[in-house]
Amino acid sequence: VQLQASGGGLVQAGGSLRLSCAASGSSSSVYAMGWYRQAPGKSRELAAVWINGSNTEYADSVKGRFTISRDSAKPAVYLQMNSLKPEDTAVYYCALKRHWFDRNVWGQGTLVTVSS
């Protein structure tokens, strides 16, 4: 399976961006699909993820501002990011896990830069 992410860019604080990630190849089984992010000098962390078709998880820092949605038929996930803050600046990585016991498959990352 390959993941193609898009939608990053430069935005002012308070603005919005929408990230998209589509899976191709052998992706008929999807246990989890979502977004992680890595800010400069920091470890990669969860931003938002769909799990097992019906559950979502968000980092506390993005709750109420970010919304993850999905198209299970493709499969694809989207991350609507509103009220962006400079601390949201990071490379955002799409990830997919086919089964609960698998490791994540990672996309190439898309840079989000929020200016103050």
PDB file of N, CA and C in Angstrom:
ATOM      1  N   VAL A   1       0.849  -1.185   0.000  1.00  0.00           N
ATOM      2  CA  VAL A   1       0.000   0.000   0.000  1.00  0.00           C
ATOM      3  C   VAL A   1       0.889   1.241   0.000  1.00  0.00           C
ATOM      4  N   GLN A   2       0.495   2.244  -0.743  1.00  0.00           N
ATOM      5  CA  GLN A   2       1.191   3.537  -0.776  1.00  0.00           C
ATOM      6  C   GLN A   2       0.209   4.624  -0.350  1.00  0.00           C
ATOM      7  N   LEU A   3       0.748   5.609   0.341  1.00  0.00           N
ATOM      8  CA  LEU A   3      -0.063   6.727   0.813  1.00  0.00           C
ATOM      9  C   LEU A   3       0.417   8.011   0.168  1.00  0.00           C
ATOM     10  N   GLN A   4      -0.520   8.778  -0.338  1.00  0.00           N
ATOM     11  CA  GLN A   4      -0.201  10.051  -0.978  1.00  0.00           C
ATOM     12  C   GLN A   4      -0.907  11.165  -0.217  1.00  0.00           C
ATOM     13  N   ALA A   5      -0.112  12.017   0.418  1.00  0.00           N
ATOM     14  CA  ALA A   5      -0.667  13.115   1.205  1.00  0.00           C
ATOM     15  C   ALA A   5      -0.511  14.433   0.455  1.00  0.00           C
ATOM     16  N   SER A   6      -1.441  15.324   0.702  1.00  0.00           N
ATOM     17  CA  SER A   6      -1.378  16.648   0.078  1.00  0.00           C
ATOM     18  C   SER A   6      -2.139  17.647   0.944  1.00  0.00           C
ATOM     19  N   GLY A   7      -1.952  18.923   0.644  1.00  0.00           N
ATOM     20  CA  GLY A   7      -2.735  19.955   1.298  1.00  0.00           C
ATOM     21  C   GLY A   7      -1.980  20.845   2.254  1.00  0.00           C
ATOM     22  N   GLY A   8      -0.710  20.564   2.515  1.00  0.00           N
ATOM     23  CA  GLY A   8       0.052  21.420   3.409  1.00  0.00           C
ATOM     24  C   GLY A   8       0.343  22.763   2.771  1.00  0.00           C
ATOM     25  N   GLY A   9       0.892  23.655   3.574  1.00  0.00           N
ATOM     26  CA  GLY A   9       1.235  24.970   3.064  1.00  0.00           C
ATOM     27  C   GLY A   9       1.490  25.954   4.180  1.00  0.00           C
ATOM     28  N   LEU A  10       1.551  27.209   3.800  1.00  0.00           N
ATOM     29  CA  LEU A  10       1.795  28.301   4.740  1.00  0.00           C
ATOM     30  C   LEU A  10       0.487  29.031   4.996  1.00  0.00           C
ATOM     31  N   VAL A  11       0.175  29.247   6.256  1.00  0.00           N
ATOM     32  CA  VAL A  11      -1.066  29.935   6.623  1.00  0.00           C
ATOM     33  C   VAL A  11      -0.795  30.793   7.848  1.00  0.00           C
ATOM     34  N   GLN A  12      -1.544  31.856   7.976  1.00  0.00           N
ATOM     35  CA  GLN A  12      -1.421  32.706   9.155  1.00  0.00           C
ATOM     36  C   GLN A  12      -2.164  32.095  10.336  1.00  0.00           C
ATOM     37  N   ALA A  13      -1.729  32.449  11.518  1.00  0.00           N
ATOM     38  CA  ALA A  13      -2.417  31.987  12.726  1.00  0.00           C
ATOM     39  C   ALA A  13      -3.899  32.352  12.645  1.00  0.00           C
ATOM     40  N   GLY A  14      -4.728  31.397  13.048  1.00  0.00           N
ATOM     41  CA  GLY A  14      -6.171  31.581  12.963  1.00  0.00           C
ATOM     42  C   GLY A  14      -6.779  31.076  11.674  1.00  0.00           C
ATOM     43  N   GLY A  15      -5.945  30.753  10.718  1.00  0.00           N
ATOM     44  CA  GLY A  15      -6.422  30.270   9.430  1.00  0.00           C
ATOM     45  C   GLY A  15      -6.719  28.784   9.441  1.00  0.00           C
ATOM     46  N   SER A  16      -7.040  28.276   8.250  1.00  0.00           N
ATOM     47  CA  SER A  16      -7.440  26.874   8.096  1.00  0.00           C
ATOM     48  C   SER A  16      -6.694  26.223   6.941  1.00  0.00           C
ATOM     49  N   LEU A  17      -6.524  24.930   7.057  1.00  0.00           N
ATOM     50  CA  LEU A  17      -5.998  24.101   5.980  1.00  0.00           C
ATOM     51  C   LEU A  17      -6.701  22.761   6.028  1.00  0.00           C
ATOM     52  N   ARG A  18      -6.740  22.083   4.891  1.00  0.00           N
ATOM     53  CA  ARG A  18      -7.318  20.745   4.823  1.00  0.00           C
ATOM     54  C   ARG A  18      -6.297  19.810   4.190  1.00  0.00           C
ATOM     55  N   LEU A  19      -5.933  18.795   4.909  1.00  0.00           N
ATOM     56  CA  LEU A  19      -5.013  17.786   4.423  1.00  0.00           C
ATOM     57  C   LEU A  19      -5.792  16.598   3.876  1.00  0.00           C
ATOM     58  N   SER A  20      -5.248  16.003   2.825  1.00  0.00           N
ATOM     59  CA  SER A  20      -5.861  14.818   2.225  1.00  0.00           C
ATOM     60  C   SER A  20      -4.829  13.710   2.124  1.00  0.00           C
ATOM     61  N   CYS A  21      -5.288  12.493   2.273  1.00  0.00           N
ATOM     62  CA  CYS A  21      -4.406  11.332   2.131  1.00  0.00           C
ATOM     63  C   CYS A  21      -5.201  10.203   1.498  1.00  0.00           C
ATOM     64  N   ALA A  22      -4.687   9.699   0.398  1.00  0.00           N
ATOM     65  CA  ALA A  22      -5.339   8.598  -0.289  1.00  0.00           C
ATOM     66  C   ALA A  22      -4.405   7.407  -0.327  1.00  0.00           C
ATOM     67  N   ALA A  23      -4.973   6.224  -0.143  1.00  0.00           N
ATOM     68  CA  ALA A  23      -4.201   4.989  -0.180  1.00  0.00           C
ATOM     69  C   ALA A  23      -4.383   4.317  -1.533  1.00  0.00           C
ATOM     70  N   SER A  24      -3.319   3.743  -2.028  1.00  0.00           N
ATOM     71  CA  SER A  24      -3.387   2.979  -3.272  1.00  0.00           C
ATOM     72  C   SER A  24      -2.650   1.660  -3.071  1.00  0.00           C
ATOM     73  N   GLY A  25      -2.835   0.764  -3.984  1.00  0.00           N
ATOM     74  CA  GLY A  25      -2.237  -0.551  -3.837  1.00  0.00           C
ATOM     75  C   GLY A  25      -3.146  -1.456  -3.036  1.00  0.00           C
ATOM     76  N   SER A  26      -2.552  -2.390  -2.332  1.00  0.00           N
ATOM     77  CA  SER A  26      -3.326  -3.372  -1.577  1.00  0.00           C
ATOM     78  C   SER A  26      -3.777  -2.769  -0.263  1.00  0.00           C
ATOM     79  N   SER A  27      -4.970  -2.183  -0.255  1.00  0.00           N
ATOM     80  CA  SER A  27      -5.439  -1.508   0.953  1.00  0.00           C
ATOM     81  C   SER A  27      -6.877  -1.895   1.275  1.00  0.00           C
ATOM     82  N   SER A  28      -7.267  -3.105   0.927  1.00  0.00           N
ATOM     83  CA  SER A  28      -8.651  -3.508   1.144  1.00  0.00           C
ATOM     84  C   SER A  28      -8.993  -3.616   2.617  1.00  0.00           C
ATOM     85  N   SER A  29      -8.035  -3.897   3.459  1.00  0.00           N
ATOM     86  CA  SER A  29      -8.278  -4.013   4.890  1.00  0.00           C
ATOM     87  C   SER A  29      -7.602  -2.848   5.583  1.00  0.00           C
ATOM     88  N   VAL A  30      -8.385  -2.072   6.319  1.00  0.00           N
ATOM     89  CA  VAL A  30      -7.839  -0.914   7.030  1.00  0.00           C
ATOM     90  C   VAL A  30      -8.359  -0.937   8.448  1.00  0.00           C
ATOM     91  N   TYR A  31      -7.462  -1.082   9.408  1.00  0.00           N
ATOM     92  CA  TYR A  31      -7.838  -1.037  10.821  1.00  0.00           C
ATOM     93  C   TYR A  31      -7.807   0.392  11.338  1.00  0.00           C
ATOM     94  N   ALA A  32      -6.802   1.137  10.924  1.00  0.00           N
ATOM     95  CA  ALA A  32      -6.675   2.520  11.385  1.00  0.00           C
ATOM     96  C   ALA A  32      -6.031   3.356  10.285  1.00  0.00           C
ATOM     97  N   MET A  33      -6.428   4.608  10.233  1.00  0.00           N
ATOM     98  CA  MET A  33      -5.855   5.522   9.249  1.00  0.00           C
ATOM     99  C   MET A  33      -5.959   6.928   9.804  1.00  0.00           C
ATOM    100  N   GLY A  34      -4.871   7.674   9.719  1.00  0.00           N
ATOM    101  CA  GLY A  34      -4.935   9.003  10.297  1.00  0.00           C
ATOM    102  C   GLY A  34      -3.672   9.798  10.093  1.00  0.00           C
ATOM    103  N   TRP A  35      -3.474  10.760  10.974  1.00  0.00           N
ATOM    104  CA  TRP A  35      -2.412  11.744  10.824  1.00  0.00           C
ATOM    105  C   TRP A  35      -1.564  11.845  12.086  1.00  0.00           C
ATOM    106  N   TYR A  36      -0.272  11.863  11.865  1.00  0.00           N
ATOM    107  CA  TYR A  36       0.699  12.153  12.905  1.00  0.00           C
ATOM    108  C   TYR A  36       1.451  13.403  12.467  1.00  0.00           C
ATOM    109  N   ARG A  37       2.132  14.017  13.418  1.00  0.00           N
ATOM    110  CA  ARG A  37       2.913  15.203  13.052  1.00  0.00           C
ATOM    111  C   ARG A  37       4.214  15.239  13.821  1.00  0.00           C
ATOM    112  N   GLN A  38       5.190  15.895  13.203  1.00  0.00           N
ATOM    113  CA  GLN A  38       6.501  16.030  13.822  1.00  0.00           C
ATOM    114  C   GLN A  38       6.977  17.460  13.666  1.00  0.00           C
ATOM    115  N   ALA A  39       7.034  18.152  14.784  1.00  0.00           N
ATOM    116  CA  ALA A  39       7.529  19.519  14.793  1.00  0.00           C
ATOM    117  C   ALA A  39       9.052  19.512  14.849  1.00  0.00           C
ATOM    118  N   PRO A  40       9.690  20.588  14.434  1.00  0.00           N
ATOM    119  CA  PRO A  40      11.160  20.647  14.460  1.00  0.00           C
ATOM    120  C   PRO A  40      11.715  20.357  15.854  1.00  0.00           C
ATOM    121  N   GLY A  41      12.622  19.407  15.932  1.00  0.00           N
ATOM    122  CA  GLY A  41      13.264  19.085  17.192  1.00  0.00           C
ATOM    123  C   GLY A  41      12.439  18.249  18.139  1.00  0.00           C
ATOM    124  N   LYS A  42      11.278  17.795  17.676  1.00  0.00           N
ATOM    125  CA  LYS A  42      10.393  17.007  18.538  1.00  0.00           C
ATOM    126  C   LYS A  42      10.117  15.643  17.929  1.00  0.00           C
ATOM    127  N   SER A  43       9.588  14.756  18.755  1.00  0.00           N
ATOM    128  CA  SER A  43       9.224  13.419  18.289  1.00  0.00           C
ATOM    129  C   SER A  43       7.905  13.464  17.529  1.00  0.00           C
ATOM    130  N   ARG A  44       7.708  12.471  16.717  1.00  0.00           N
ATOM    131  CA  ARG A  44       6.438  12.358  15.994  1.00  0.00           C
ATOM    132  C   ARG A  44       5.331  12.032  16.991  1.00  0.00           C
ATOM    133  N   GLU A  45       4.191  12.670  16.816  1.00  0.00           N
ATOM    134  CA  GLU A  45       3.073  12.457  17.731  1.00  0.00           C
ATOM    135  C   GLU A  45       1.775  12.313  16.954  1.00  0.00           C
ATOM    136  N   LEU A  46       0.820  11.685  17.599  1.00  0.00           N
ATOM    137  CA  LEU A  46      -0.502  11.543  17.005  1.00  0.00           C
ATOM    138  C   LEU A  46      -1.177  12.906  16.925  1.00  0.00           C
ATOM    139  N   ALA A  47      -1.826  13.170  15.782  1.00  0.00           N
ATOM    140  CA  ALA A  47      -2.695  14.341  15.668  1.00  0.00           C
ATOM    141  C   ALA A  47      -4.153  13.887  15.717  1.00  0.00           C
ATOM    142  N   ALA A  48      -4.528  12.985  14.807  1.00  0.00           N
ATOM    143  CA  ALA A  48      -5.894  12.484  14.774  1.00  0.00           C
ATOM    144  C   ALA A  48      -5.917  11.183  13.988  1.00  0.00           C
ATOM    145  N   VAL A  49      -6.773  10.251  14.376  1.00  0.00           N
ATOM    146  CA  VAL A  49      -6.806   8.964  13.707  1.00  0.00           C
ATOM    147  C   VAL A  49      -8.187   8.344  13.797  1.00  0.00           C
ATOM    148  N   TRP A  50      -8.576   7.637  12.733  1.00  0.00           N
ATOM    149  CA  TRP A  50      -9.740   6.772  12.735  1.00  0.00           C
ATOM    150  C   TRP A  50      -9.269   5.375  13.112  1.00  0.00           C
ATOM    151  N   ILE A  51     -10.008   4.720  13.989  1.00  0.00           N
ATOM    152  CA  ILE A  51      -9.645   3.377  14.412  1.00  0.00           C
ATOM    153  C   ILE A  51     -10.840   2.468  14.261  1.00  0.00           C
ATOM    154  N   ASN A  52     -10.597   1.324  13.618  1.00  0.00           N
ATOM    155  CA  ASN A  52     -11.586   0.250  13.549  1.00  0.00           C
ATOM    156  C   ASN A  52     -12.930   0.718  13.001  1.00  0.00           C
ATOM    157  N   GLY A  53     -12.893   1.659  12.091  1.00  0.00           N
ATOM    158  CA  GLY A  53     -14.079   2.065  11.356  1.00  0.00           C
ATOM    159  C   GLY A  53     -15.006   3.031  12.030  1.00  0.00           C
ATOM    160  N   SER A  54     -14.940   3.170  13.357  1.00  0.00           N
ATOM    161  CA  SER A  54     -15.945   3.997  14.010  1.00  0.00           C
ATOM    162  C   SER A  54     -15.412   4.888  15.118  1.00  0.00           C
ATOM    163  N   ASN A  55     -14.211   4.689  15.542  1.00  0.00           N
ATOM    164  CA  ASN A  55     -13.663   5.474  16.650  1.00  0.00           C
ATOM    165  C   ASN A  55     -12.636   6.473  16.148  1.00  0.00           C
ATOM    166  N   THR A  56     -12.597   7.616  16.789  1.00  0.00           N
ATOM    167  CA  THR A  56     -11.582   8.614  16.483  1.00  0.00           C
ATOM    168  C   THR A  56     -10.813   8.977  17.743  1.00  0.00           C
ATOM    169  N   GLU A  57      -9.561   9.321  17.551  1.00  0.00           N
ATOM    170  CA  GLU A  57      -8.740   9.825  18.644  1.00  0.00           C
ATOM    171  C   GLU A  57      -8.057  11.103  18.190  1.00  0.00           C
ATOM    172  N   TYR A  58      -7.988  12.054  19.083  1.00  0.00           N
ATOM    173  CA  TYR A  58      -7.333  13.327  18.805  1.00  0.00           C
ATOM    174  C   TYR A  58      -6.321  13.632  19.899  1.00  0.00           C
ATOM    175  N   ALA A  59      -5.245  14.280  19.519  1.00  0.00           N
ATOM    176  CA  ALA A  59      -4.346  14.834  20.526  1.00  0.00           C
ATOM    177  C   ALA A  59      -5.104  15.926  21.281  1.00  0.00           C
ATOM    178  N   ASP A  60      -4.839  16.030  22.571  1.00  0.00           N
ATOM    179  CA  ASP A  60      -5.520  17.051  23.364  1.00  0.00           C
ATOM    180  C   ASP A  60      -5.304  18.443  22.784  1.00  0.00           C
ATOM    181  N   SER A  61      -4.152  18.669  22.209  1.00  0.00           N
ATOM    182  CA  SER A  61      -3.804  19.996  21.713  1.00  0.00           C
ATOM    183  C   SER A  61      -4.598  20.414  20.484  1.00  0.00           C
ATOM    184  N   VAL A  62      -5.260  19.457  19.820  1.00  0.00           N
ATOM    185  CA  VAL A  62      -6.000  19.797  18.597  1.00  0.00           C
ATOM    186  C   VAL A  62      -7.499  19.614  18.751  1.00  0.00           C
ATOM    187  N   LYS A  63      -7.931  19.071  19.875  1.00  0.00           N
ATOM    188  CA  LYS A  63      -9.364  18.840  20.069  1.00  0.00           C
ATOM    189  C   LYS A  63     -10.137  20.155  19.953  1.00  0.00           C
ATOM    190  N   GLY A  64     -11.243  20.095  19.223  1.00  0.00           N
ATOM    191  CA  GLY A  64     -12.067  21.273  19.023  1.00  0.00           C
ATOM    192  C   GLY A  64     -11.620  22.137  17.863  1.00  0.00           C
ATOM    193  N   ARG A  65     -10.445  21.867  17.321  1.00  0.00           N
ATOM    194  CA  ARG A  65      -9.931  22.660  16.196  1.00  0.00           C
ATOM    195  C   ARG A  65      -9.755  21.812  14.945  1.00  0.00           C
ATOM    196  N   PHE A  66      -9.350  20.564  15.117  1.00  0.00           N
ATOM    197  CA  PHE A  66      -9.116  19.666  13.991  1.00  0.00           C
ATOM    198  C   PHE A  66     -10.249  18.644  13.915  1.00  0.00           C
ATOM    199  N   THR A  67     -10.600  18.269  12.693  1.00  0.00           N
ATOM    200  CA  THR A  67     -11.608  17.237  12.482  1.00  0.00           C
ATOM    201  C   THR A  67     -11.116  16.260  11.433  1.00  0.00           C
ATOM    202  N   ILE A  68     -11.100  14.985  11.781  1.00  0.00           N
ATOM    203  CA  ILE A  68     -10.706  13.954  10.824  1.00  0.00           C
ATOM    204  C   ILE A  68     -11.962  13.348  10.218  1.00  0.00           C
ATOM    205  N   SER A  69     -11.912  13.134   8.928  1.00  0.00           N
ATOM    206  CA  SER A  69     -13.006  12.452   8.237  1.00  0.00           C
ATOM    207  C   SER A  69     -12.393  11.433   7.290  1.00  0.00           C
ATOM    208  N   ARG A  70     -13.234  10.570   6.773  1.00  0.00           N
ATOM    209  CA  ARG A  70     -12.687   9.502   5.931  1.00  0.00           C
ATOM    210  C   ARG A  70     -13.639   9.127   4.820  1.00  0.00           C
ATOM    211  N   ASP A  71     -13.076   8.514   3.811  1.00  0.00           N
ATOM    212  CA  ASP A  71     -13.837   7.878   2.736  1.00  0.00           C
ATOM    213  C   ASP A  71     -13.388   6.430   2.728  1.00  0.00           C
ATOM    214  N   SER A  72     -14.156   5.574   3.326  1.00  0.00           N
ATOM    215  CA  SER A  72     -13.735   4.187   3.490  1.00  0.00           C
ATOM    216  C   SER A  72     -13.673   3.442   2.163  1.00  0.00           C
ATOM    217  N   ALA A  73     -14.343   3.950   1.156  1.00  0.00           N
ATOM    218  CA  ALA A  73     -14.383   3.257  -0.142  1.00  0.00           C
ATOM    219  C   ALA A  73     -13.066   3.381  -0.880  1.00  0.00           C
ATOM    220  N   LYS A  74     -12.301   4.464  -0.639  1.00  0.00           N
ATOM    221  CA  LYS A  74     -11.102   4.684  -1.447  1.00  0.00           C
ATOM    222  C   LYS A  74      -9.924   3.821  -1.049  1.00  0.00           C
ATOM    223  N   PRO A  75      -9.422   3.740   0.159  1.00  0.00           N
ATOM    224  CA  PRO A  75      -9.719   4.564   1.338  1.00  0.00           C
ATOM    225  C   PRO A  75      -8.915   5.859   1.360  1.00  0.00           C
ATOM    226  N   ALA A  76      -9.430   6.824   2.075  1.00  0.00           N
ATOM    227  CA  ALA A  76      -8.789   8.121   2.201  1.00  0.00           C
ATOM    228  C   ALA A  76      -9.191   8.755   3.525  1.00  0.00           C
ATOM    229  N   VAL A  77      -8.330   9.617   4.011  1.00  0.00           N
ATOM    230  CA  VAL A  77      -8.660  10.396   5.196  1.00  0.00           C
ATOM    231  C   VAL A  77      -8.342  11.859   4.930  1.00  0.00           C
ATOM    232  N   TYR A  78      -9.058  12.713   5.647  1.00  0.00           N
ATOM    233  CA  TYR A  78      -8.906  14.140   5.493  1.00  0.00           C
ATOM    234  C   TYR A  78      -8.782  14.751   6.887  1.00  0.00           C
ATOM    235  N   LEU A  79      -8.024  15.803   6.991  1.00  0.00           N
ATOM    236  CA  LEU A  79      -7.880  16.495   8.258  1.00  0.00           C
ATOM    237  C   LEU A  79      -8.185  17.964   8.041  1.00  0.00           C
ATOM    238  N   GLN A  80      -9.316  18.393   8.548  1.00  0.00           N
ATOM    239  CA  GLN A  80      -9.678  19.798   8.498  1.00  0.00           C
ATOM    240  C   GLN A  80      -9.094  20.472   9.726  1.00  0.00           C
ATOM    241  N   MET A  81      -8.222  21.439   9.491  1.00  0.00           N
ATOM    242  CA  MET A  81      -7.525  22.114  10.586  1.00  0.00           C
ATOM    243  C   MET A  81      -7.968  23.573  10.618  1.00  0.00           C
ATOM    244  N   ASN A  82      -8.651  23.940  11.678  1.00  0.00           N
ATOM    245  CA  ASN A  82      -9.126  25.308  11.855  1.00  0.00           C
ATOM    246  C   ASN A  82      -8.421  25.965  13.038  1.00  0.00           C
ATOM    247  N   SER A  83      -8.524  27.266  13.095  1.00  0.00           N
ATOM    248  CA  SER A  83      -7.917  28.034  14.195  1.00  0.00           C
ATOM    249  C   SER A  83      -6.467  27.622  14.418  1.00  0.00           C
ATOM    250  N   LEU A  84      -5.730  27.556  13.347  1.00  0.00           N
ATOM    251  CA  LEU A  84      -4.348  27.084  13.432  1.00  0.00           C
ATOM    252  C   LEU A  84      -3.485  28.015  14.266  1.00  0.00           C
ATOM    253  N   LYS A  85      -2.539  27.403  14.972  1.00  0.00           N
ATOM    254  CA  LYS A  85      -1.621  28.131  15.843  1.00  0.00           C
ATOM    255  C   LYS A  85      -0.189  27.890  15.369  1.00  0.00           C
ATOM    256  N   PRO A  86       0.722  28.789  15.693  1.00  0.00           N
ATOM    257  CA  PRO A  86       2.122  28.558  15.305  1.00  0.00           C
ATOM    258  C   PRO A  86       2.657  27.216  15.808  1.00  0.00           C
ATOM    259  N   GLU A  87       2.179  26.766  16.961  1.00  0.00           N
ATOM    260  CA  GLU A  87       2.649  25.482  17.487  1.00  0.00           C
ATOM    261  C   GLU A  87       2.119  24.284  16.722  1.00  0.00           C
ATOM    262  N   ASP A  88       1.233  24.511  15.766  1.00  0.00           N
ATOM    263  CA  ASP A  88       0.791  23.429  14.872  1.00  0.00           C
ATOM    264  C   ASP A  88       1.773  23.228  13.718  1.00  0.00           C
ATOM    265  N   THR A  89       2.752  24.089  13.614  1.00  0.00           N
ATOM    266  CA  THR A  89       3.747  23.952  12.557  1.00  0.00           C
ATOM    267  C   THR A  89       4.483  22.623  12.706  1.00  0.00           C
ATOM    268  N   ALA A  90       4.458  21.831  11.641  1.00  0.00           N
ATOM    269  CA  ALA A  90       5.048  20.492  11.681  1.00  0.00           C
ATOM    270  C   ALA A  90       4.952  19.872  10.297  1.00  0.00           C
ATOM    271  N   VAL A  91       5.667  18.780  10.147  1.00  0.00           N
ATOM    272  CA  VAL A  91       5.428  17.904   8.995  1.00  0.00           C
ATOM    273  C   VAL A  91       4.345  16.920   9.412  1.00  0.00           C
ATOM    274  N   TYR A  92       3.291  16.862   8.626  1.00  0.00           N
ATOM    275  CA  TYR A  92       2.169  15.986   8.924  1.00  0.00           C
ATOM    276  C   TYR A  92       2.276  14.730   8.056  1.00  0.00           C
ATOM    277  N   TYR A  93       2.228  13.594   8.726  1.00  0.00           N
ATOM    278  CA  TYR A  93       2.361  12.315   8.051  1.00  0.00           C
ATOM    279  C   TYR A  93       1.051  11.540   8.114  1.00  0.00           C
ATOM    280  N   CYS A  94       0.658  11.044   6.968  1.00  0.00           N
ATOM    281  CA  CYS A  94      -0.474  10.133   6.919  1.00  0.00           C
ATOM    282  C   CYS A  94       0.020   8.726   7.282  1.00  0.00           C
ATOM    283  N   ALA A  95      -0.809   7.971   7.979  1.00  0.00           N
ATOM    284  CA  ALA A  95      -0.431   6.618   8.380  1.00  0.00           C
ATOM    285  C   ALA A  95      -1.619   5.683   8.233  1.00  0.00           C
ATOM    286  N   LEU A  96      -1.334   4.458   7.911  1.00  0.00           N
ATOM    287  CA  LEU A  96      -2.365   3.435   7.753  1.00  0.00           C
ATOM    288  C   LEU A  96      -1.888   2.141   8.408  1.00  0.00           C
ATOM    289  N   LYS A  97      -2.810   1.503   9.078  1.00  0.00           N
ATOM    290  CA  LYS A  97      -2.521   0.206   9.692  1.00  0.00           C
ATOM    291  C   LYS A  97      -3.600  -0.759   9.208  1.00  0.00           C
ATOM    292  N   ARG A  98      -3.186  -1.830   8.570  1.00  0.00           N
ATOM    293  CA  ARG A  98      -4.175  -2.741   7.994  1.00  0.00           C
ATOM    294  C   ARG A  98      -4.836  -3.621   9.046  1.00  0.00           C
ATOM    295  N   HIS A  99      -4.076  -4.018  10.049  1.00  0.00           N
ATOM    296  CA  HIS A  99      -4.599  -4.826  11.151  1.00  0.00           C
ATOM    297  C   HIS A  99      -4.061  -4.270  12.459  1.00  0.00           C
ATOM    298  N   TRP A 100      -4.691  -4.574  13.558  1.00  0.00           N
ATOM    299  CA  TRP A 100      -4.307  -3.953  14.819  1.00  0.00           C
ATOM    300  C   TRP A 100      -2.874  -4.301  15.211  1.00  0.00           C
ATOM    301  N   PHE A 101      -2.383  -5.438  14.713  1.00  0.00           N
ATOM    302  CA  PHE A 101      -1.056  -5.900  15.101  1.00  0.00           C
ATOM    303  C   PHE A 101       0.030  -5.431  14.122  1.00  0.00           C
ATOM    304  N   ASP A 102      -0.364  -4.723  13.062  1.00  0.00           N
ATOM    305  CA  ASP A 102       0.614  -4.251  12.078  1.00  0.00           C
ATOM    306  C   ASP A 102       1.279  -2.963  12.535  1.00  0.00           C
ATOM    307  N   ARG A 103       2.427  -2.704  11.955  1.00  0.00           N
ATOM    308  CA  ARG A 103       3.042  -1.392  12.099  1.00  0.00           C
ATOM    309  C   ARG A 103       2.386  -0.437  11.116  1.00  0.00           C
ATOM    310  N   ASN A 104       2.510   0.841  11.400  1.00  0.00           N
ATOM    311  CA  ASN A 104       1.978   1.839  10.487  1.00  0.00           C
ATOM    312  C   ASN A 104       2.749   1.830   9.173  1.00  0.00           C
ATOM    313  N   VAL A 105       2.013   2.043   8.083  1.00  0.00           N
ATOM    314  CA  VAL A 105       2.601   2.401   6.797  1.00  0.00           C
ATOM    315  C   VAL A 105       2.524   3.919   6.720  1.00  0.00           C
ATOM    316  N   TRP A 106       3.624   4.562   6.339  1.00  0.00           N
ATOM    317  CA  TRP A 106       3.707   6.025   6.370  1.00  0.00           C
ATOM    318  C   TRP A 106       3.686   6.623   4.970  1.00  0.00           C
ATOM    319  N   GLY A 107       3.044   7.764   4.861  1.00  0.00           N
ATOM    320  CA  GLY A 107       3.125   8.570   3.658  1.00  0.00           C
ATOM    321  C   GLY A 107       4.365   9.448   3.710  1.00  0.00           C
ATOM    322  N   GLN A 108       4.539  10.297   2.702  1.00  0.00           N
ATOM    323  CA  GLN A 108       5.781  11.056   2.570  1.00  0.00           C
ATOM    324  C   GLN A 108       5.811  12.307   3.424  1.00  0.00           C
ATOM    325  N   GLY A 109       4.715  12.718   3.989  1.00  0.00           N
ATOM    326  CA  GLY A 109       4.697  13.918   4.825  1.00  0.00           C
ATOM    327  C   GLY A 109       4.385  15.163   4.033  1.00  0.00           C
ATOM    328  N   THR A 110       3.662  16.049   4.649  1.00  0.00           N
ATOM    329  CA  THR A 110       3.361  17.344   4.039  1.00  0.00           C
ATOM    330  C   THR A 110       3.560  18.424   5.094  1.00  0.00           C
ATOM    331  N   LEU A 111       4.251  19.491   4.719  1.00  0.00           N
ATOM    332  CA  LEU A 111       4.644  20.517   5.672  1.00  0.00           C
ATOM    333  C   LEU A 111       3.531  21.534   5.864  1.00  0.00           C
ATOM    334  N   VAL A 112       3.207  21.777   7.118  1.00  0.00           N
ATOM    335  CA  VAL A 112       2.266  22.823   7.498  1.00  0.00           C
ATOM    336  C   VAL A 112       3.038  23.862   8.307  1.00  0.00           C
ATOM    337  N   THR A 113       2.997  25.097   7.851  1.00  0.00           N
ATOM    338  CA  THR A 113       3.680  26.189   8.533  1.00  0.00           C
ATOM    339  C   THR A 113       2.654  27.248   8.896  1.00  0.00           C
ATOM    340  N   VAL A 114       2.580  27.556  10.180  1.00  0.00           N
ATOM    341  CA  VAL A 114       1.635  28.561  10.661  1.00  0.00           C
ATOM    342  C   VAL A 114       2.431  29.759  11.169  1.00  0.00           C
ATOM    343  N   SER A 115       2.238  30.883  10.538  1.00  0.00           N
ATOM    344  CA  SER A 115       2.971  32.089  10.926  1.00  0.00           C
ATOM    345  C   SER A 115       2.169  32.895  11.942  1.00  0.00           C
ATOM    346  N   SER A 116       2.888  33.549  12.834  1.00  0.00           N
ATOM    347  CA  SER A 116       2.218  34.341  13.876  1.00  0.00           C
ATOM    348  C   SER A 116       1.948  35.764  13.409  1.00  0.00           C
TER     349      SER A 116
END
